[in-house]
Amino acid sequence: MDIMDVAIVAKEANVELLALNNLTLKTRSKCHANRLFRNPIEYSGALFVGEDGMKIMIPL
């Protein structure tokens, strides 16, 4: 499953927050990551691209 597939599933399930991790491509900055991953996948919810040591708190 690639990033586009994940975005399609998240969109169809009305997911409000999407966290991507274990990506093979290292991005230079958050802005660069947003250009690479947010726009091409057409996902409008909150999007986090994981980095080493990053913690994302998910409310239950």
PDB file of N, CA and C in Angstrom:
ATOM      1  N   MET A   1       0.851  -1.171   0.000  1.00  0.00           N
ATOM      2  CA  MET A   1       0.000   0.000   0.000  1.00  0.00           C
ATOM      3  C   MET A   1       0.895   1.231   0.000  1.00  0.00           C
ATOM      4  N   ASP A   2       0.634   2.158  -0.922  1.00  0.00           N
ATOM      5  CA  ASP A   2       1.438   3.383  -0.945  1.00  0.00           C
ATOM      6  C   ASP A   2       0.659   4.539  -0.321  1.00  0.00           C
ATOM      7  N   ILE A   3       1.262   5.709  -0.309  1.00  0.00           N
ATOM      8  CA  ILE A   3       0.677   6.871   0.357  1.00  0.00           C
ATOM      9  C   ILE A   3      -0.661   7.244  -0.265  1.00  0.00           C
ATOM     10  N   MET A   4      -0.781   7.140  -1.581  1.00  0.00           N
ATOM     11  CA  MET A   4      -2.043   7.462  -2.251  1.00  0.00           C
ATOM     12  C   MET A   4      -3.153   6.538  -1.770  1.00  0.00           C
ATOM     13  N   ASP A   5      -2.864   5.243  -1.637  1.00  0.00           N
ATOM     14  CA  ASP A   5      -3.865   4.283  -1.147  1.00  0.00           C
ATOM     15  C   ASP A   5      -4.302   4.628   0.271  1.00  0.00           C
ATOM     16  N   VAL A   6      -3.347   4.980   1.113  1.00  0.00           N
ATOM     17  CA  VAL A   6      -3.654   5.344   2.498  1.00  0.00           C
ATOM     18  C   VAL A   6      -4.560   6.567   2.521  1.00  0.00           C
ATOM     19  N   ALA A   7      -4.255   7.559   1.704  1.00  0.00           N
ATOM     20  CA  ALA A   7      -5.062   8.779   1.656  1.00  0.00           C
ATOM     21  C   ALA A   7      -6.485   8.487   1.186  1.00  0.00           C
ATOM     22  N   ILE A   8      -6.631   7.628   0.208  1.00  0.00           N
ATOM     23  CA  ILE A   8      -7.963   7.277  -0.301  1.00  0.00           C
ATOM     24  C   ILE A   8      -8.781   6.594   0.788  1.00  0.00           C
ATOM     25  N   VAL A   9      -8.178   5.641   1.486  1.00  0.00           N
ATOM     26  CA  VAL A   9      -8.877   4.948   2.576  1.00  0.00           C
ATOM     27  C   VAL A   9      -9.254   5.930   3.682  1.00  0.00           C
ATOM     28  N   ALA A  10      -8.327   6.821   4.047  1.00  0.00           N
ATOM     29  CA  ALA A  10      -8.595   7.803   5.099  1.00  0.00           C
ATOM     30  C   ALA A  10      -9.723   8.744   4.691  1.00  0.00           C
ATOM     31  N   LYS A  11      -9.715   9.180   3.450  1.00  0.00           N
ATOM     32  CA  LYS A  11     -10.754  10.088   2.958  1.00  0.00           C
ATOM     33  C   LYS A  11     -12.121   9.402   2.967  1.00  0.00           C
ATOM     34  N   GLU A  12     -12.183   8.162   2.486  1.00  0.00           N
ATOM     35  CA  GLU A  12     -13.444   7.419   2.451  1.00  0.00           C
ATOM     36  C   GLU A  12     -13.973   7.132   3.855  1.00  0.00           C
ATOM     37  N   ALA A  13     -13.070   6.996   4.833  1.00  0.00           N
ATOM     38  CA  ALA A  13     -13.468   6.707   6.214  1.00  0.00           C
ATOM     39  C   ALA A  13     -13.681   7.986   7.032  1.00  0.00           C
ATOM     40  N   ASN A  14     -13.563   9.154   6.382  1.00  0.00           N
ATOM     41  CA  ASN A  14     -13.717  10.448   7.066  1.00  0.00           C
ATOM     42  C   ASN A  14     -12.758  10.612   8.245  1.00  0.00           C
ATOM     43  N   VAL A  15     -11.528  10.146   8.056  1.00  0.00           N
ATOM     44  CA  VAL A  15     -10.500  10.283   9.079  1.00  0.00           C
ATOM     45  C   VAL A  15     -10.090  11.743   9.164  1.00  0.00           C
ATOM     46  N   GLU A  16     -10.023  12.290  10.386  1.00  0.00           N
ATOM     47  CA  GLU A  16      -9.692  13.694  10.564  1.00  0.00           C
ATOM     48  C   GLU A  16      -8.198  13.932  10.734  1.00  0.00           C
ATOM     49  N   LEU A  17      -7.442  12.926  11.168  1.00  0.00           N
ATOM     50  CA  LEU A  17      -6.014  13.071  11.416  1.00  0.00           C
ATOM     51  C   LEU A  17      -5.291  11.878  10.814  1.00  0.00           C
ATOM     52  N   LEU A  18      -4.316  12.139   9.969  1.00  0.00           N
ATOM     53  CA  LEU A  18      -3.550  11.082   9.318  1.00  0.00           C
ATOM     54  C   LEU A  18      -2.079  11.256   9.657  1.00  0.00           C
ATOM     55  N   ALA A  19      -1.459  10.210  10.185  1.00  0.00           N
ATOM     56  CA  ALA A  19      -0.038  10.245  10.524  1.00  0.00           C
ATOM     57  C   ALA A  19       0.701   9.250   9.630  1.00  0.00           C
ATOM     58  N   LEU A  20       1.686   9.731   8.911  1.00  0.00           N
ATOM     59  CA  LEU A  20       2.507   8.891   8.041  1.00  0.00           C
ATOM     60  C   LEU A  20       3.862   8.690   8.703  1.00  0.00           C
ATOM     61  N   ASN A  21       4.303   7.455   8.769  1.00  0.00           N
ATOM     62  CA  ASN A  21       5.632   7.187   9.334  1.00  0.00           C
ATOM     63  C   ASN A  21       6.303   6.084   8.538  1.00  0.00           C
ATOM     64  N   ASN A  22       7.547   5.819   8.864  1.00  0.00           N
ATOM     65  CA  ASN A  22       8.348   4.802   8.175  1.00  0.00           C
ATOM     66  C   ASN A  22       8.449   5.064   6.677  1.00  0.00           C
ATOM     67  N   LEU A  23       8.573   6.324   6.324  1.00  0.00           N
ATOM     68  CA  LEU A  23       8.732   6.682   4.921  1.00  0.00           C
ATOM     69  C   LEU A  23      10.189   6.500   4.526  1.00  0.00           C
ATOM     70  N   THR A  24      10.434   6.055   3.310  1.00  0.00           N
ATOM     71  CA  THR A  24      11.799   5.855   2.863  1.00  0.00           C
ATOM     72  C   THR A  24      12.427   7.157   2.378  1.00  0.00           C
ATOM     73  N   LEU A  25      11.602   8.128   1.991  1.00  0.00           N
ATOM     74  CA  LEU A  25      12.097   9.389   1.502  1.00  0.00           C
ATOM     75  C   LEU A  25      12.283  10.358   2.664  1.00  0.00           C
ATOM     76  N   LYS A  26      13.471  10.869   2.846  1.00  0.00           N
ATOM     77  CA  LYS A  26      13.720  11.850   3.911  1.00  0.00           C
ATOM     78  C   LYS A  26      13.475  13.238   3.345  1.00  0.00           C
ATOM     79  N   THR A  27      12.652  14.005   4.048  1.00  0.00           N
ATOM     80  CA  THR A  27      12.347  15.348   3.579  1.00  0.00           C
ATOM     81  C   THR A  27      13.275  16.356   4.238  1.00  0.00           C
ATOM     82  N   ARG A  28      13.486  17.467   3.552  1.00  0.00           N
ATOM     83  CA  ARG A  28      14.399  18.508   4.049  1.00  0.00           C
ATOM     84  C   ARG A  28      13.734  19.383   5.104  1.00  0.00           C
ATOM     85  N   SER A  29      12.429  19.537   5.043  1.00  0.00           N
ATOM     86  CA  SER A  29      11.725  20.405   5.983  1.00  0.00           C
ATOM     87  C   SER A  29      10.251  20.019   6.015  1.00  0.00           C
ATOM     88  N   LYS A  30       9.525  20.570   6.989  1.00  0.00           N
ATOM     89  CA  LYS A  30       8.091  20.304   7.079  1.00  0.00           C
ATOM     90  C   LYS A  30       7.369  20.844   5.845  1.00  0.00           C
ATOM     91  N   CYS A  31       7.785  22.000   5.366  1.00  0.00           N
ATOM     92  CA  CYS A  31       7.182  22.583   4.170  1.00  0.00           C
ATOM     93  C   CYS A  31       7.388  21.660   2.968  1.00  0.00           C
ATOM     94  N   HIS A  32       8.580  21.129   2.844  1.00  0.00           N
ATOM     95  CA  HIS A  32       8.899  20.201   1.754  1.00  0.00           C
ATOM     96  C   HIS A  32       8.036  18.941   1.865  1.00  0.00           C
ATOM     97  N   ALA A  33       7.885  18.424   3.065  1.00  0.00           N
ATOM     98  CA  ALA A  33       7.063  17.234   3.289  1.00  0.00           C
ATOM     99  C   ALA A  33       5.613  17.507   2.909  1.00  0.00           C
ATOM    100  N   ASN A  34       5.109  18.671   3.287  1.00  0.00           N
ATOM    101  CA  ASN A  34       3.733  19.020   2.944  1.00  0.00           C
ATOM    102  C   ASN A  34       3.531  19.083   1.434  1.00  0.00           C
ATOM    103  N   ARG A  35       4.504  19.639   0.717  1.00  0.00           N
ATOM    104  CA  ARG A  35       4.397  19.700  -0.742  1.00  0.00           C
ATOM    105  C   ARG A  35       4.431  18.308  -1.349  1.00  0.00           C
ATOM    106  N   LEU A  36       5.262  17.428  -0.809  1.00  0.00           N
ATOM    107  CA  LEU A  36       5.385  16.079  -1.357  1.00  0.00           C
ATOM    108  C   LEU A  36       4.197  15.184  -1.033  1.00  0.00           C
ATOM    109  N   PHE A  37       3.663  15.305   0.182  1.00  0.00           N
ATOM    110  CA  PHE A  37       2.682  14.339   0.623  1.00  0.00           C
ATOM    111  C   PHE A  37       1.250  14.857   0.732  1.00  0.00           C
ATOM    112  N   ARG A  38       1.035  16.101   1.051  1.00  0.00           N
ATOM    113  CA  ARG A  38      -0.332  16.581   1.246  1.00  0.00           C
ATOM    114  C   ARG A  38      -1.021  16.852  -0.085  1.00  0.00           C
ATOM    115  N   ASN A  39      -0.438  17.663  -0.932  1.00  0.00           N
ATOM    116  CA  ASN A  39      -1.106  18.049  -2.174  1.00  0.00           C
ATOM    117  C   ASN A  39      -1.325  16.885  -3.130  1.00  0.00           C
ATOM    118  N   PRO A  40      -0.317  16.070  -3.415  1.00  0.00           N
ATOM    119  CA  PRO A  40      -0.540  14.989  -4.378  1.00  0.00           C
ATOM    120  C   PRO A  40      -1.583  13.966  -3.941  1.00  0.00           C
ATOM    121  N   ILE A  41      -1.784  13.775  -2.647  1.00  0.00           N
ATOM    122  CA  ILE A  41      -2.723  12.743  -2.220  1.00  0.00           C
ATOM    123  C   ILE A  41      -4.131  13.280  -1.991  1.00  0.00           C
ATOM    124  N   GLU A  42      -4.307  14.595  -2.130  1.00  0.00           N
ATOM    125  CA  GLU A  42      -5.625  15.205  -2.002  1.00  0.00           C
ATOM    126  C   GLU A  42      -6.302  14.828  -0.688  1.00  0.00           C
ATOM    127  N   TYR A  43      -5.589  15.029   0.399  1.00  0.00           N
ATOM    128  CA  TYR A  43      -6.125  14.773   1.730  1.00  0.00           C
ATOM    129  C   TYR A  43      -6.249  16.110   2.438  1.00  0.00           C
ATOM    130  N   SER A  44      -7.447  16.428   2.946  1.00  0.00           N
ATOM    131  CA  SER A  44      -7.669  17.760   3.515  1.00  0.00           C
ATOM    132  C   SER A  44      -7.636  17.798   5.041  1.00  0.00           C
ATOM    133  N   GLY A  45      -7.550  16.643   5.699  1.00  0.00           N
ATOM    134  CA  GLY A  45      -7.511  16.627   7.159  1.00  0.00           C
ATOM    135  C   GLY A  45      -6.127  16.966   7.685  1.00  0.00           C
ATOM    136  N   ALA A  46      -5.970  16.873   8.997  1.00  0.00           N
ATOM    137  CA  ALA A  46      -4.669  17.118   9.622  1.00  0.00           C
ATOM    138  C   ALA A  46      -3.708  16.010   9.197  1.00  0.00           C
ATOM    139  N   LEU A  47      -2.519  16.394   8.782  1.00  0.00           N
ATOM    140  CA  LEU A  47      -1.534  15.435   8.283  1.00  0.00           C
ATOM    141  C   LEU A  47      -0.218  15.628   9.016  1.00  0.00           C
ATOM    142  N   PHE A  48       0.296  14.550   9.588  1.00  0.00           N
ATOM    143  CA  PHE A  48       1.595  14.561  10.255  1.00  0.00           C
ATOM    144  C   PHE A  48       2.514  13.611   9.514  1.00  0.00           C
ATOM    145  N   VAL A  49       3.696  14.082   9.187  1.00  0.00           N
ATOM    146  CA  VAL A  49       4.715  13.233   8.573  1.00  0.00           C
ATOM    147  C   VAL A  49       5.758  12.962   9.643  1.00  0.00           C
ATOM    148  N   GLY A  50       5.886  11.694  10.042  1.00  0.00           N
ATOM    149  CA  GLY A  50       6.760  11.320  11.145  1.00  0.00           C
ATOM    150  C   GLY A  50       8.227  11.597  10.881  1.00  0.00           C
ATOM    151  N   GLU A  51       8.903  11.956  11.951  1.00  0.00           N
ATOM    152  CA  GLU A  51      10.348  12.162  11.934  1.00  0.00           C
ATOM    153  C   GLU A  51      10.928  11.349  13.080  1.00  0.00           C
ATOM    154  N   ASP A  52      12.221  11.091  13.070  1.00  0.00           N
ATOM    155  CA  ASP A  52      12.859  10.346  14.151  1.00  0.00           C
ATOM    156  C   ASP A  52      12.570  11.003  15.494  1.00  0.00           C
ATOM    157  N   GLY A  53      12.082  10.230  16.434  1.00  0.00           N
ATOM    158  CA  GLY A  53      11.823  10.711  17.787  1.00  0.00           C
ATOM    159  C   GLY A  53      10.528  11.487  17.953  1.00  0.00           C
ATOM    160  N   MET A  54       9.777  11.655  16.895  1.00  0.00           N
ATOM    161  CA  MET A  54       8.535  12.423  16.968  1.00  0.00           C
ATOM    162  C   MET A  54       7.456  11.624  17.689  1.00  0.00           C
ATOM    163  N   LYS A  55       6.699  12.305  18.556  1.00  0.00           N
ATOM    164  CA  LYS A  55       5.574  11.697  19.250  1.00  0.00           C
ATOM    165  C   LYS A  55       4.312  12.446  18.864  1.00  0.00           C
ATOM    166  N   ILE A  56       3.298  11.712  18.494  1.00  0.00           N
ATOM    167  CA  ILE A  56       2.017  12.303  18.129  1.00  0.00           C
ATOM    168  C   ILE A  56       0.986  11.832  19.135  1.00  0.00           C
ATOM    169  N   MET A  57       0.389  12.773  19.857  1.00  0.00           N
ATOM    170  CA  MET A  57      -0.643  12.440  20.837  1.00  0.00           C
ATOM    171  C   MET A  57      -1.988  12.375  20.131  1.00  0.00           C
ATOM    172  N   ILE A  58      -2.641  11.247  20.217  1.00  0.00           N
ATOM    173  CA  ILE A  58      -3.929  11.059  19.577  1.00  0.00           C
ATOM    174  C   ILE A  58      -5.010  11.009  20.648  1.00  0.00           C
ATOM    175  N   PRO A  59      -5.936  11.985  20.640  1.00  0.00           N
ATOM    176  CA  PRO A  59      -6.993  11.976  21.653  1.00  0.00           C
ATOM    177  C   PRO A  59      -7.932  10.796  21.446  1.00  0.00           C
ATOM    178  N   LEU A  60      -8.343  10.181  22.523  1.00  0.00           N
ATOM    179  CA  LEU A  60      -9.274   9.051  22.433  1.00  0.00           C
ATOM    180  C   LEU A  60     -10.668   9.470  22.754  1.00  0.00           C
TER     181      LEU A  60
END
